[in-house]
Every structure is written in structure tokens, then in C-alpha cells.
Amino acid sequence: MQEPTFPIGGRMRRFQTFAVITVLATIVLIAIGSTVRTTGSGLGCPDWPLCHGRPYPPFERTAIIEYTHRSAAALVGLLIMVQAAWVFTKHRADRTLVTLAAISLPLLLVQALLGAVTVKLELPPEVVAVHLTTAFALLAVLTLIACCAALGPARRLIEGAERRSFTRVATIAAITTAAILLIGAYTVATHAGFACTTWPSCREAQIPFFSGERLQHIHWLHRFTVLGGAAIIGWVFLNVHEMRSAGRMLQRGAHSLIGLYGVQILIGGLNIISGFAGVVRVSHLAVASAIWAVTIAMAFAGRYHGTTEAAAAPSTARDGTQGARV
């Protein structure tokens, strides 16, 4: 017998679409930021917020690339501010959504200030790493907002040991992915990605952490954390596969996650094999961003019935939004 459905109102569906667009735009922005780094365009506009003292860039490659990054950042910033205003005015009964929207604004401000500091200090590795890390933190918050919107205002926590176990596994995966991203960000900022010119071995440091210099050690640390992450992602996939009531969305998420991670490992190898081609380096960070977003989404959404599911199964869930409504 087909389960009954309880459609979400048009206003909420529009917000769902807007939230997803904001997440995708942020991933594109991170990819553009990677393009800035791979092309050496970080100082294409040596001043901020102007570019060579003007509100538009000169007709020069690095200046145009950096200015494109700034313009994209401004657009994403506008999307985030509009999204927050939308939550505060139309969805203020949803406490989780309001909290996340409130967190997104100072994160946006910090990210903009870090962008300015990065230019003013002429791209110091530590600031570049923090700038990228903050971008990932902002992406996580925006992903959670999109999850809340997708689940609907009447989402309810799913009770049961099976879902609690999955949440623990997914949370471990999210923490592991965060650690990989932090180390990856530092690898990028210190240019340690170039320290090994062969894959899967490293000609410059055949014995990990015992041969080679500091940059090779950072490079090997990144490789080993990625390998550990693969085991954790596999654990998530098996956990979902063995669940009796995972649901289609969770299953799709698990397949997407393990597929993306496999592609990411191949891109990492291709990065070295291709001689660090720009398009491969940009793809590496873009896929890493997508993996991070999917991991966060699964860790959060895996514990909830969506609005339609909650309405159809009230006996197996309890309210997770304190009476939120559209």
C-alpha cells in the first residue's frame, strides 16, 4: 500500500531551491578560489577592495581571474544574506534554521576579512590555510540550512538504536573529513602538494616521515589521512547498506559519498601524474568540497524523518524542531 504524502507549501519549496543554489554557488566559489591559487593570481589585484586603485580590473590575466573571484564571492555573500533575511522573516519559528542562519552571517564577515588580510599580507601560508578552512566551515553551515529546508519544518527525530548507530558513524566520518580538509588546506598553502612527483610512491621521500624534508612529511601526512578517510567512508557505506530502513535518500547519499571519494583519490593521483595541471588541481578541491557537503548532510539528515515522512510515521519519531512551521 502506498504511503500517504503531505506536500510542503510552495513558500518552503522555493526556500529549499534557494538553499541548494546557495550551497552549489559556494562550492563553485571554492573552485574559483582554487583557480586563483593554481594560476598564481592571488595578487592579481594587489589592493582590496579595489583592483589597482580602480573598481574594475585592468585587461590582464591574473587581475581578471582575481577580480572574478572577488565578484563571485560578492554574489555568494549576497545569496547568504538574502537567505538569512528569508529565514528571519519567514521561517523564524524553526529555531534550528534561525540559529544556522545567524551563524552564517559572522562566518561570512570573517571570510571576507580574511580575504582582505590575505591580499594585504601578500598570501602568507597560514592565512591562506585559515581562509580556506573558514570557507569549508561556511559551506558546512549552508549545507545544514539546505538540509533543514529539504527535511521541512515538521522534521522529526527518528528513534531507535539503528539510527543512533548510523549517526555516530556519520559524525565520525564528518570529523575525519574535516581533519583531512584541514591538512589538505595546509598542504595547499605550504605548496607541499608539489613535494612528491610520483604516485602512489614518492620519489623524493621513499620512506614516509623518515626520508625527505618537511614538505614531503606534510605531503605524506595528507596521503595517509586520505587513506584513513577512505576506510571511514567505507564504514558509512556498509552501515547504510546493512540498515533495514535506510530510505532512498540515505542510500543515494552513501553511494554518492563513496563514488565521490573514489574519484577524489584518482584525481589526487592524476594531480601528480599530470604534472599538477591546473584543471586537475581545481577539480581536486571542488570534489573535496562536494564530499564535505555530502558528509555533513548525511550526518545531520540521517537522524530525521522529513515533513512528509514524519506525518506518515508519527509513532516512530519525535519532534526535533520545537513546533516549527512555515
C-alpha atoms as a PDB file:
ATOM      1  CA  MET A   1       0.000   0.000   0.000  1.00  0.00           C
ATOM      2  CA  GLN A   2       1.400   3.410  -0.948  1.00  0.00           C
ATOM      3  CA  GLU A   3       2.232   5.740   1.922  1.00  0.00           C
ATOM      4  CA  PRO A   4       0.267   8.980   2.089  1.00  0.00           C
ATOM      5  CA  THR A   5       2.091  12.175   1.247  1.00  0.00           C
ATOM      6  CA  PHE A   6       1.742  15.597   2.794  1.00  0.00           C
ATOM      7  CA  PRO A   7       3.101  18.218   0.394  1.00  0.00           C
ATOM      8  CA  ILE A   8       5.185  21.099   1.697  1.00  0.00           C
ATOM      9  CA  GLY A   9       3.872  24.557   0.838  1.00  0.00           C
ATOM     10  CA  GLY A  10       5.166  26.482  -2.166  1.00  0.00           C
ATOM     11  CA  ARG A  11       6.961  29.014   0.020  1.00  0.00           C
ATOM     12  CA  MET A  12       9.048  26.275   1.633  1.00  0.00           C
ATOM     13  CA  ARG A  13       9.804  24.651  -1.726  1.00  0.00           C
ATOM     14  CA  ARG A  14      11.117  27.980  -3.036  1.00  0.00           C
ATOM     15  CA  PHE A  15      13.324  28.292   0.031  1.00  0.00           C
ATOM     16  CA  GLN A  16      14.577  24.708  -0.458  1.00  0.00           C
ATOM     17  CA  THR A  17      15.620  25.573  -4.009  1.00  0.00           C
ATOM     18  CA  PHE A  18      17.299  28.793  -2.890  1.00  0.00           C
ATOM     19  CA  ALA A  19      19.210  26.986  -0.120  1.00  0.00           C
ATOM     20  CA  VAL A  20      20.514  24.341  -2.540  1.00  0.00           C
ATOM     21  CA  ILE A  21      21.539  27.044  -5.037  1.00  0.00           C
ATOM     22  CA  THR A  22      23.467  28.802  -2.255  1.00  0.00           C
ATOM     23  CA  VAL A  23      25.352  25.604  -1.403  1.00  0.00           C
ATOM     24  CA  LEU A  24      26.198  24.924  -5.054  1.00  0.00           C
ATOM     25  CA  ALA A  25      27.289  28.536  -5.577  1.00  0.00           C
ATOM     26  CA  THR A  26      29.602  28.246  -2.572  1.00  0.00           C
ATOM     27  CA  ILE A  27      31.215  25.092  -3.998  1.00  0.00           C
ATOM     28  CA  VAL A  28      31.712  26.922  -7.316  1.00  0.00           C
ATOM     29  CA  LEU A  29      33.258  29.840  -5.405  1.00  0.00           C
ATOM     30  CA  ILE A  30      35.720  27.498  -3.684  1.00  0.00           C
ATOM     31  CA  ALA A  31      36.634  26.096  -7.110  1.00  0.00           C
ATOM     32  CA  ILE A  32      37.201  29.628  -8.435  1.00  0.00           C
ATOM     33  CA  GLY A  33      39.379  30.320  -5.399  1.00  0.00           C
ATOM     34  CA  SER A  34      41.397  27.247  -6.325  1.00  0.00           C
ATOM     35  CA  THR A  35      41.772  28.651  -9.842  1.00  0.00           C
ATOM     36  CA  VAL A  36      43.199  31.826  -8.310  1.00  0.00           C
ATOM     37  CA  ARG A  37      45.812  29.769  -6.445  1.00  0.00           C
ATOM     38  CA  THR A  38      46.714  27.433  -9.322  1.00  0.00           C
ATOM     39  CA  THR A  39      47.227  30.335 -11.726  1.00  0.00           C
ATOM     40  CA  GLY A  40      49.173  32.431  -9.220  1.00  0.00           C
ATOM     41  CA  SER A  41      46.583  35.191  -9.413  1.00  0.00           C
ATOM     42  CA  GLY A  42      46.200  35.845  -5.689  1.00  0.00           C
ATOM     43  CA  LEU A  43      47.933  39.206  -6.038  1.00  0.00           C
ATOM     44  CA  GLY A  44      46.443  39.975  -9.444  1.00  0.00           C
ATOM     45  CA  CYS A  45      44.656  42.770  -7.614  1.00  0.00           C
ATOM     46  CA  PRO A  46      47.271  43.933  -5.066  1.00  0.00           C
ATOM     47  CA  ASP A  47      44.825  46.162  -3.186  1.00  0.00           C
ATOM     48  CA  TRP A  48      41.414  45.498  -1.606  1.00  0.00           C
ATOM     49  CA  PRO A  49      38.527  46.068  -2.202  1.00  0.00           C
ATOM     50  CA  LEU A  50      39.652  47.927  -5.338  1.00  0.00           C
ATOM     51  CA  CYS A  51      41.849  46.448  -8.063  1.00  0.00           C
ATOM     52  CA  HIS A  52      44.894  48.560  -8.928  1.00  0.00           C
ATOM     53  CA  GLY A  53      43.052  51.501  -7.399  1.00  0.00           C
ATOM     54  CA  ARG A  54      40.005  51.069  -9.639  1.00  0.00           C
ATOM     55  CA  PRO A  55      36.568  49.436  -9.187  1.00  0.00           C
ATOM     56  CA  TYR A  56      37.268  47.202 -12.208  1.00  0.00           C
ATOM     57  CA  PRO A  57      40.347  45.177 -13.216  1.00  0.00           C
ATOM     58  CA  PRO A  58      42.870  46.066 -15.916  1.00  0.00           C
ATOM     59  CA  PHE A  59      42.901  43.902 -19.029  1.00  0.00           C
ATOM     60  CA  GLU A  60      45.459  41.491 -17.574  1.00  0.00           C
ATOM     61  CA  ARG A  61      45.026  37.743 -16.942  1.00  0.00           C
ATOM     62  CA  THR A  62      45.818  37.474 -13.232  1.00  0.00           C
ATOM     63  CA  ALA A  63      43.879  40.633 -12.402  1.00  0.00           C
ATOM     64  CA  ILE A  64      40.793  39.370 -14.260  1.00  0.00           C
ATOM     65  CA  ILE A  65      40.962  35.975 -12.507  1.00  0.00           C
ATOM     66  CA  GLU A  66      41.310  37.553  -9.058  1.00  0.00           C
ATOM     67  CA  TYR A  67      38.549  40.062  -9.799  1.00  0.00           C
ATOM     68  CA  THR A  68      36.283  37.219 -10.969  1.00  0.00           C
ATOM     69  CA  HIS A  69      36.903  35.514  -7.629  1.00  0.00           C
ATOM     70  CA  ARG A  70      36.008  38.671  -5.735  1.00  0.00           C
ATOM     71  CA  SER A  71      32.860  39.175  -7.821  1.00  0.00           C
ATOM     72  CA  ALA A  72      31.780  35.569  -7.238  1.00  0.00           C
ATOM     73  CA  ALA A  73      32.447  35.996  -3.515  1.00  0.00           C
ATOM     74  CA  ALA A  74      30.263  39.116  -3.505  1.00  0.00           C
ATOM     75  CA  LEU A  75      27.455  37.211  -5.245  1.00  0.00           C
ATOM     76  CA  VAL A  76      27.658  34.302  -2.783  1.00  0.00           C
ATOM     77  CA  GLY A  77      27.737  36.799   0.075  1.00  0.00           C
ATOM     78  CA  LEU A  78      24.560  38.370  -1.253  1.00  0.00           C
ATOM     79  CA  LEU A  79      22.889  34.945  -1.505  1.00  0.00           C
ATOM     80  CA  ILE A  80      23.822  34.173   2.104  1.00  0.00           C
ATOM     81  CA  MET A  81      22.476  37.497   3.370  1.00  0.00           C
ATOM     82  CA  VAL A  82      19.223  37.099   1.418  1.00  0.00           C
ATOM     83  CA  GLN A  83      18.885  33.548   2.750  1.00  0.00           C
ATOM     84  CA  ALA A  84      19.389  34.726   6.330  1.00  0.00           C
ATOM     85  CA  ALA A  85      16.822  37.512   5.889  1.00  0.00           C
ATOM     86  CA  TRP A  86      14.395  34.971   4.417  1.00  0.00           C
ATOM     87  CA  VAL A  87      14.822  32.730   7.461  1.00  0.00           C
ATOM     88  CA  PHE A  88      14.450  35.580   9.952  1.00  0.00           C
ATOM     89  CA  THR A  89      11.265  36.855   8.323  1.00  0.00           C
ATOM     90  CA  LYS A  90       9.510  33.748   7.005  1.00  0.00           C
ATOM     91  CA  HIS A  91      10.851  30.780   8.993  1.00  0.00           C
ATOM     92  CA  ARG A  92      11.639  32.249  12.390  1.00  0.00           C
ATOM     93  CA  ALA A  93       9.574  29.537  14.141  1.00  0.00           C
ATOM     94  CA  ASP A  94      12.235  26.993  13.155  1.00  0.00           C
ATOM     95  CA  ARG A  95      14.836  27.524  15.859  1.00  0.00           C
ATOM     96  CA  THR A  96      17.494  25.338  14.241  1.00  0.00           C
ATOM     97  CA  LEU A  97      17.155  27.172  10.942  1.00  0.00           C
ATOM     98  CA  VAL A  98      17.315  30.571  12.651  1.00  0.00           C
ATOM     99  CA  THR A  99      20.438  29.570  14.608  1.00  0.00           C
ATOM    100  CA  LEU A 100      22.212  28.325  11.485  1.00  0.00           C
ATOM    101  CA  ALA A 101      21.290  31.450   9.525  1.00  0.00           C
ATOM    102  CA  ALA A 102      22.596  33.604  12.376  1.00  0.00           C
ATOM    103  CA  ILE A 103      25.894  31.674  12.407  1.00  0.00           C
ATOM    104  CA  SER A 104      26.311  32.063   8.637  1.00  0.00           C
ATOM    105  CA  LEU A 105      26.497  35.866   8.830  1.00  0.00           C
ATOM    106  CA  PRO A 106      29.552  36.273  11.117  1.00  0.00           C
ATOM    107  CA  LEU A 107      31.254  33.438   9.235  1.00  0.00           C
ATOM    108  CA  LEU A 108      30.651  35.359   6.019  1.00  0.00           C
ATOM    109  CA  LEU A 109      32.125  38.500   7.586  1.00  0.00           C
ATOM    110  CA  VAL A 110      35.191  36.640   8.869  1.00  0.00           C
ATOM    111  CA  GLN A 111      35.713  35.081   5.443  1.00  0.00           C
ATOM    112  CA  ALA A 112      35.559  38.479   3.739  1.00  0.00           C
ATOM    113  CA  LEU A 113      38.032  39.955   6.240  1.00  0.00           C
ATOM    114  CA  LEU A 114      40.379  37.007   5.788  1.00  0.00           C
ATOM    115  CA  GLY A 115      40.250  37.600   2.045  1.00  0.00           C
ATOM    116  CA  ALA A 116      41.351  41.178   2.600  1.00  0.00           C
ATOM    117  CA  VAL A 117      44.096  40.161   5.057  1.00  0.00           C
ATOM    118  CA  THR A 118      45.363  37.518   2.625  1.00  0.00           C
ATOM    119  CA  VAL A 119      45.898  40.208  -0.006  1.00  0.00           C
ATOM    120  CA  LYS A 120      47.298  42.806   2.407  1.00  0.00           C
ATOM    121  CA  LEU A 121      49.872  40.355   3.811  1.00  0.00           C
ATOM    122  CA  GLU A 122      50.722  39.011   0.348  1.00  0.00           C
ATOM    123  CA  LEU A 123      49.450  35.431   0.720  1.00  0.00           C
ATOM    124  CA  PRO A 124      51.132  34.046   3.879  1.00  0.00           C
ATOM    125  CA  PRO A 125      50.551  30.241   4.033  1.00  0.00           C
ATOM    126  CA  GLU A 126      48.898  30.289   7.462  1.00  0.00           C
ATOM    127  CA  VAL A 127      46.344  32.927   6.467  1.00  0.00           C
ATOM    128  CA  VAL A 128      45.643  31.155   3.161  1.00  0.00           C
ATOM    129  CA  ALA A 129      45.002  27.917   5.096  1.00  0.00           C
ATOM    130  CA  VAL A 130      42.674  29.658   7.572  1.00  0.00           C
ATOM    131  CA  HIS A 131      40.862  31.375   4.685  1.00  0.00           C
ATOM    132  CA  LEU A 132      40.172  28.001   3.024  1.00  0.00           C
ATOM    133  CA  THR A 133      39.217  26.399   6.351  1.00  0.00           C
ATOM    134  CA  THR A 134      36.690  29.140   7.040  1.00  0.00           C
ATOM    135  CA  ALA A 135      35.233  28.582   3.578  1.00  0.00           C
ATOM    136  CA  PHE A 136      34.662  24.927   4.460  1.00  0.00           C
ATOM    137  CA  ALA A 137      33.081  25.892   7.800  1.00  0.00           C
ATOM    138  CA  LEU A 138      30.716  28.248   5.984  1.00  0.00           C
ATOM    139  CA  LEU A 139      29.892  25.523   3.448  1.00  0.00           C
ATOM    140  CA  ALA A 140      29.012  23.170   6.325  1.00  0.00           C
ATOM    141  CA  VAL A 141      26.580  25.683   7.832  1.00  0.00           C
ATOM    142  CA  LEU A 142      24.969  26.358   4.457  1.00  0.00           C
ATOM    143  CA  THR A 143      24.634  22.605   3.866  1.00  0.00           C
ATOM    144  CA  LEU A 144      22.866  22.226   7.217  1.00  0.00           C
ATOM    145  CA  ILE A 145      20.479  25.041   6.259  1.00  0.00           C
ATOM    146  CA  ALA A 146      19.723  23.252   2.989  1.00  0.00           C
ATOM    147  CA  CYS A 147      19.138  20.007   4.924  1.00  0.00           C
ATOM    148  CA  CYS A 148      16.682  21.708   7.282  1.00  0.00           C
ATOM    149  CA  ALA A 149      14.857  23.172   4.295  1.00  0.00           C
ATOM    150  CA  ALA A 150      14.782  19.823   2.471  1.00  0.00           C
ATOM    151  CA  LEU A 151      13.503  17.937   5.509  1.00  0.00           C
ATOM    152  CA  GLY A 152      10.788  20.516   6.035  1.00  0.00           C
ATOM    153  CA  PRO A 153       9.510  22.430   9.053  1.00  0.00           C
ATOM    154  CA  ALA A 154       7.917  19.394  10.718  1.00  0.00           C
ATOM    155  CA  ARG A 155      11.008  17.148  10.598  1.00  0.00           C
ATOM    156  CA  ARG A 156      11.126  14.712  13.479  1.00  0.00           C
ATOM    157  CA  LEU A 157      13.953  12.751  15.069  1.00  0.00           C
ATOM    158  CA  ILE A 158      13.958   9.043  14.286  1.00  0.00           C
ATOM    159  CA  GLU A 159      14.175   6.903  17.405  1.00  0.00           C
ATOM    160  CA  GLY A 160      15.973   3.569  17.523  1.00  0.00           C
ATOM    161  CA  ALA A 161      19.427   2.094  18.046  1.00  0.00           C
ATOM    162  CA  GLU A 162      19.964   1.655  14.303  1.00  0.00           C
ATOM    163  CA  ARG A 163      19.723   5.362  13.530  1.00  0.00           C
ATOM    164  CA  ARG A 164      21.715   6.343  16.616  1.00  0.00           C
ATOM    165  CA  SER A 165      24.472   3.990  15.480  1.00  0.00           C
ATOM    166  CA  PHE A 166      24.399   5.467  11.987  1.00  0.00           C
ATOM    167  CA  THR A 167      24.588   9.000  13.396  1.00  0.00           C
ATOM    168  CA  ARG A 168      27.715   8.084  15.368  1.00  0.00           C
ATOM    169  CA  VAL A 169      29.363   6.598  12.270  1.00  0.00           C
ATOM    170  CA  ALA A 170      28.370   9.558  10.074  1.00  0.00           C
ATOM    171  CA  THR A 171      29.606  12.030  12.705  1.00  0.00           C
ATOM    172  CA  ILE A 172      32.964  10.243  12.862  1.00  0.00           C
ATOM    173  CA  ALA A 173      33.102  10.463   9.062  1.00  0.00           C
ATOM    174  CA  ALA A 174      32.353  14.200   9.186  1.00  0.00           C
ATOM    175  CA  ILE A 175      35.077  14.789  11.810  1.00  0.00           C
ATOM    176  CA  THR A 176      37.557  12.706   9.803  1.00  0.00           C
ATOM    177  CA  THR A 177      36.693  14.605   6.630  1.00  0.00           C
ATOM    178  CA  ALA A 178      37.201  17.895   8.485  1.00  0.00           C
ATOM    179  CA  ALA A 179      40.663  16.751   9.581  1.00  0.00           C
ATOM    180  CA  ILE A 180      41.523  15.752   6.006  1.00  0.00           C
ATOM    181  CA  LEU A 181      40.374  19.149   4.747  1.00  0.00           C
ATOM    182  CA  LEU A 182      42.436  20.989   7.375  1.00  0.00           C
ATOM    183  CA  ILE A 183      45.570  19.047   6.475  1.00  0.00           C
ATOM    184  CA  GLY A 184      44.764  19.440   2.776  1.00  0.00           C
ATOM    185  CA  ALA A 185      44.351  23.190   3.208  1.00  0.00           C
ATOM    186  CA  TYR A 186      47.756  23.398   4.885  1.00  0.00           C
ATOM    187  CA  THR A 187      49.252  21.202   2.156  1.00  0.00           C
ATOM    188  CA  VAL A 188      47.946  23.627  -0.453  1.00  0.00           C
ATOM    189  CA  ALA A 189      49.046  26.726   1.470  1.00  0.00           C
ATOM    190  CA  THR A 190      52.611  25.458   2.007  1.00  0.00           C
ATOM    191  CA  HIS A 191      52.876  24.102  -1.562  1.00  0.00           C
ATOM    192  CA  ALA A 192      53.638  20.668  -0.098  1.00  0.00           C
ATOM    193  CA  GLY A 193      51.463  19.150  -2.834  1.00  0.00           C
ATOM    194  CA  PHE A 194      54.417  19.631  -5.190  1.00  0.00           C
ATOM    195  CA  ALA A 195      56.853  17.912  -2.806  1.00  0.00           C
ATOM    196  CA  CYS A 196      56.280  14.442  -4.287  1.00  0.00           C
ATOM    197  CA  THR A 197      56.470  13.993  -8.040  1.00  0.00           C
ATOM    198  CA  THR A 198      55.417  10.327  -8.240  1.00  0.00           C
ATOM    199  CA  TRP A 199      52.274   8.459  -7.141  1.00  0.00           C
ATOM    200  CA  PRO A 200      51.437   6.281  -5.242  1.00  0.00           C
ATOM    201  CA  SER A 201      55.080   6.283  -4.131  1.00  0.00           C
ATOM    202  CA  CYS A 202      57.119   9.421  -3.545  1.00  0.00           C
ATOM    203  CA  ARG A 203      60.471   9.600  -5.307  1.00  0.00           C
ATOM    204  CA  GLU A 204      61.659  12.383  -3.021  1.00  0.00           C
ATOM    205  CA  ALA A 205      60.795  10.500   0.199  1.00  0.00           C
ATOM    206  CA  GLN A 206      60.592   6.742  -0.284  1.00  0.00           C
ATOM    207  CA  ILE A 207      60.099   6.014   3.442  1.00  0.00           C
ATOM    208  CA  PRO A 208      57.232   8.130   4.837  1.00  0.00           C
ATOM    209  CA  PHE A 209      58.305  10.532   7.620  1.00  0.00           C
ATOM    210  CA  PHE A 210      61.837   9.104   7.766  1.00  0.00           C
ATOM    211  CA  SER A 211      63.275  10.250   4.467  1.00  0.00           C
ATOM    212  CA  GLY A 212      62.769  13.583   2.731  1.00  0.00           C
ATOM    213  CA  GLU A 213      62.236  17.029   4.187  1.00  0.00           C
ATOM    214  CA  ARG A 214      59.403  18.892   5.915  1.00  0.00           C
ATOM    215  CA  LEU A 215      57.296  19.364   2.783  1.00  0.00           C
ATOM    216  CA  GLN A 216      57.454  15.660   1.948  1.00  0.00           C
ATOM    217  CA  HIS A 217      56.334  14.879   5.508  1.00  0.00           C
ATOM    218  CA  ILE A 218      53.310  17.156   5.079  1.00  0.00           C
ATOM    219  CA  HIS A 219      52.556  15.524   1.737  1.00  0.00           C
ATOM    220  CA  TRP A 220      52.724  12.009   3.225  1.00  0.00           C
ATOM    221  CA  LEU A 221      50.524  13.086   6.149  1.00  0.00           C
ATOM    222  CA  HIS A 222      47.886  14.213   3.663  1.00  0.00           C
ATOM    223  CA  ARG A 223      48.063  10.893   1.795  1.00  0.00           C
ATOM    224  CA  PHE A 224      47.733   8.803   4.957  1.00  0.00           C
ATOM    225  CA  THR A 225      44.793  10.830   6.284  1.00  0.00           C
ATOM    226  CA  VAL A 226      43.059  10.375   2.918  1.00  0.00           C
ATOM    227  CA  LEU A 227      43.650   6.625   3.191  1.00  0.00           C
ATOM    228  CA  GLY A 228      42.162   6.618   6.694  1.00  0.00           C
ATOM    229  CA  GLY A 229      39.228   8.636   5.406  1.00  0.00           C
ATOM    230  CA  ALA A 230      38.577   6.001   2.741  1.00  0.00           C
ATOM    231  CA  ALA A 231      38.157   3.392   5.493  1.00  0.00           C
ATOM    232  CA  ILE A 232      35.710   5.627   7.373  1.00  0.00           C
ATOM    233  CA  ILE A 233      33.693   6.391   4.233  1.00  0.00           C
ATOM    234  CA  GLY A 234      33.548   2.669   3.526  1.00  0.00           C
ATOM    235  CA  TRP A 235      32.247   2.163   7.060  1.00  0.00           C
ATOM    236  CA  VAL A 236      29.461   4.674   6.392  1.00  0.00           C
ATOM    237  CA  PHE A 237      28.546   2.907   3.154  1.00  0.00           C
ATOM    238  CA  LEU A 238      28.398  -0.518   4.812  1.00  0.00           C
ATOM    239  CA  ASN A 239      26.388   0.883   7.717  1.00  0.00           C
ATOM    240  CA  VAL A 240      23.760   2.270   5.343  1.00  0.00           C
ATOM    241  CA  HIS A 241      23.777  -0.930   3.265  1.00  0.00           C
ATOM    242  CA  GLU A 242      23.041  -3.020   6.365  1.00  0.00           C
ATOM    243  CA  MET A 243      20.256  -0.773   7.705  1.00  0.00           C
ATOM    244  CA  ARG A 244      16.748  -2.225   7.489  1.00  0.00           C
ATOM    245  CA  SER A 245      15.097   1.138   6.812  1.00  0.00           C
ATOM    246  CA  ALA A 246      17.746   3.422   5.353  1.00  0.00           C
ATOM    247  CA  GLY A 247      15.437   5.044   2.812  1.00  0.00           C
ATOM    248  CA  ARG A 248      16.242   6.070  -0.745  1.00  0.00           C
ATOM    249  CA  MET A 249      17.807   9.433   0.124  1.00  0.00           C
ATOM    250  CA  LEU A 250      20.259   7.930   2.615  1.00  0.00           C
ATOM    251  CA  GLN A 251      21.162   5.171   0.174  1.00  0.00           C
ATOM    252  CA  ARG A 252      21.743   7.699  -2.600  1.00  0.00           C
ATOM    253  CA  GLY A 253      23.864   9.759  -0.238  1.00  0.00           C
ATOM    254  CA  ALA A 254      26.004   6.740   0.670  1.00  0.00           C
ATOM    255  CA  HIS A 255      26.529   5.808  -2.996  1.00  0.00           C
ATOM    256  CA  SER A 256      27.333   9.424  -3.880  1.00  0.00           C
ATOM    257  CA  LEU A 257      29.789   9.685  -0.999  1.00  0.00           C
ATOM    258  CA  ILE A 258      31.783   6.554  -1.808  1.00  0.00           C
ATOM    259  CA  GLY A 259      31.717   7.396  -5.533  1.00  0.00           C
ATOM    260  CA  LEU A 260      32.982  10.936  -4.946  1.00  0.00           C
ATOM    261  CA  TYR A 261      35.688   9.700  -2.606  1.00  0.00           C
ATOM    262  CA  GLY A 262      36.920   7.183  -5.152  1.00  0.00           C
ATOM    263  CA  VAL A 263      37.009   9.880  -7.831  1.00  0.00           C
ATOM    264  CA  GLN A 264      38.855  12.171  -5.426  1.00  0.00           C
ATOM    265  CA  ILE A 265      41.615   9.617  -4.827  1.00  0.00           C
ATOM    266  CA  LEU A 266      42.030   9.167  -8.579  1.00  0.00           C
ATOM    267  CA  ILE A 267      42.160  12.937  -9.080  1.00  0.00           C
ATOM    268  CA  GLY A 268      44.794  13.166  -6.345  1.00  0.00           C
ATOM    269  CA  GLY A 269      46.966  10.669  -8.224  1.00  0.00           C
ATOM    270  CA  LEU A 270      46.247  12.343 -11.564  1.00  0.00           C
ATOM    271  CA  ASN A 271      47.294  15.635  -9.984  1.00  0.00           C
ATOM    272  CA  ILE A 272      50.853  14.339  -9.712  1.00  0.00           C
ATOM    273  CA  ILE A 273      50.858  12.232 -12.878  1.00  0.00           C
ATOM    274  CA  SER A 274      49.649  15.203 -14.978  1.00  0.00           C
ATOM    275  CA  GLY A 275      52.392  17.436 -13.649  1.00  0.00           C
ATOM    276  CA  PHE A 276      49.918  19.385 -11.483  1.00  0.00           C
ATOM    277  CA  ALA A 277      47.721  20.527 -14.358  1.00  0.00           C
ATOM    278  CA  GLY A 278      45.562  23.468 -13.349  1.00  0.00           C
ATOM    279  CA  VAL A 279      42.218  21.890 -14.234  1.00  0.00           C
ATOM    280  CA  VAL A 280      43.075  18.782 -12.186  1.00  0.00           C
ATOM    281  CA  ARG A 281      44.075  20.846  -9.142  1.00  0.00           C
ATOM    282  CA  VAL A 282      40.856  22.826  -9.324  1.00  0.00           C
ATOM    283  CA  SER A 283      38.822  19.620  -9.688  1.00  0.00           C
ATOM    284  CA  HIS A 284      40.578  18.183  -6.625  1.00  0.00           C
ATOM    285  CA  LEU A 285      39.338  20.974  -4.378  1.00  0.00           C
ATOM    286  CA  ALA A 286      35.879  21.122  -5.967  1.00  0.00           C
ATOM    287  CA  VAL A 287      35.299  17.385  -5.369  1.00  0.00           C
ATOM    288  CA  ALA A 288      36.670  17.721  -1.815  1.00  0.00           C
ATOM    289  CA  SER A 289      34.052  20.424  -1.203  1.00  0.00           C
ATOM    290  CA  ALA A 290      31.293  18.182  -2.536  1.00  0.00           C
ATOM    291  CA  ILE A 291      32.442  15.292  -0.306  1.00  0.00           C
ATOM    292  CA  TRP A 292      32.391  17.602   2.716  1.00  0.00           C
ATOM    293  CA  ALA A 293      28.871  18.801   1.916  1.00  0.00           C
ATOM    294  CA  VAL A 294      27.516  15.259   1.402  1.00  0.00           C
ATOM    295  CA  THR A 295      29.159  14.025   4.625  1.00  0.00           C
ATOM    296  CA  ILE A 296      27.648  16.870   6.642  1.00  0.00           C
ATOM    297  CA  ALA A 297      24.236  16.294   5.049  1.00  0.00           C
ATOM    298  CA  MET A 298      24.267  12.579   5.883  1.00  0.00           C
ATOM    299  CA  ALA A 299      25.407  13.118   9.468  1.00  0.00           C
ATOM    300  CA  PHE A 300      22.546  15.560  10.081  1.00  0.00           C
ATOM    301  CA  ALA A 301      19.705  14.318   7.899  1.00  0.00           C
ATOM    302  CA  GLY A 302      20.214  10.650   8.734  1.00  0.00           C
ATOM    303  CA  ARG A 303      18.542  11.136  12.112  1.00  0.00           C
ATOM    304  CA  TYR A 304      15.381  12.779  10.790  1.00  0.00           C
ATOM    305  CA  HIS A 305      12.140  11.991   9.088  1.00  0.00           C
ATOM    306  CA  GLY A 306      11.294  14.710   6.574  1.00  0.00           C
ATOM    307  CA  THR A 307       7.999  16.577   6.858  1.00  0.00           C
ATOM    308  CA  THR A 308       6.089  14.092   4.672  1.00  0.00           C
ATOM    309  CA  GLU A 309       7.684  11.071   6.349  1.00  0.00           C
ATOM    310  CA  ALA A 310       7.071  12.441   9.834  1.00  0.00           C
ATOM    311  CA  ALA A 311       3.421  12.959   9.027  1.00  0.00           C
ATOM    312  CA  ALA A 312       3.151   9.404   7.752  1.00  0.00           C
ATOM    313  CA  ALA A 313       5.035   7.836  10.675  1.00  0.00           C
ATOM    314  CA  PRO A 314       4.234   9.782  13.854  1.00  0.00           C
ATOM    315  CA  SER A 315       4.686   6.809  16.139  1.00  0.00           C
ATOM    316  CA  THR A 316       8.374   6.294  15.363  1.00  0.00           C
ATOM    317  CA  ALA A 317       9.658   9.843  15.670  1.00  0.00           C
ATOM    318  CA  ARG A 318       9.597  12.770  17.986  1.00  0.00           C
ATOM    319  CA  ASP A 319       9.678  16.465  17.290  1.00  0.00           C
ATOM    320  CA  GLY A 320      13.094  17.885  16.504  1.00  0.00           C
ATOM    321  CA  THR A 321      12.091  21.469  15.777  1.00  0.00           C
ATOM    322  CA  GLN A 322      10.018  22.564  18.732  1.00  0.00           C
ATOM    323  CA  GLY A 323       6.860  23.096  16.729  1.00  0.00           C
ATOM    324  CA  ALA A 324       8.428  24.779  13.729  1.00  0.00           C
ATOM    325  CA  ARG A 325       6.051  25.704  10.954  1.00  0.00           C
ATOM    326  CA  VAL A 326       6.124  27.581   7.671  1.00  0.00           C
END
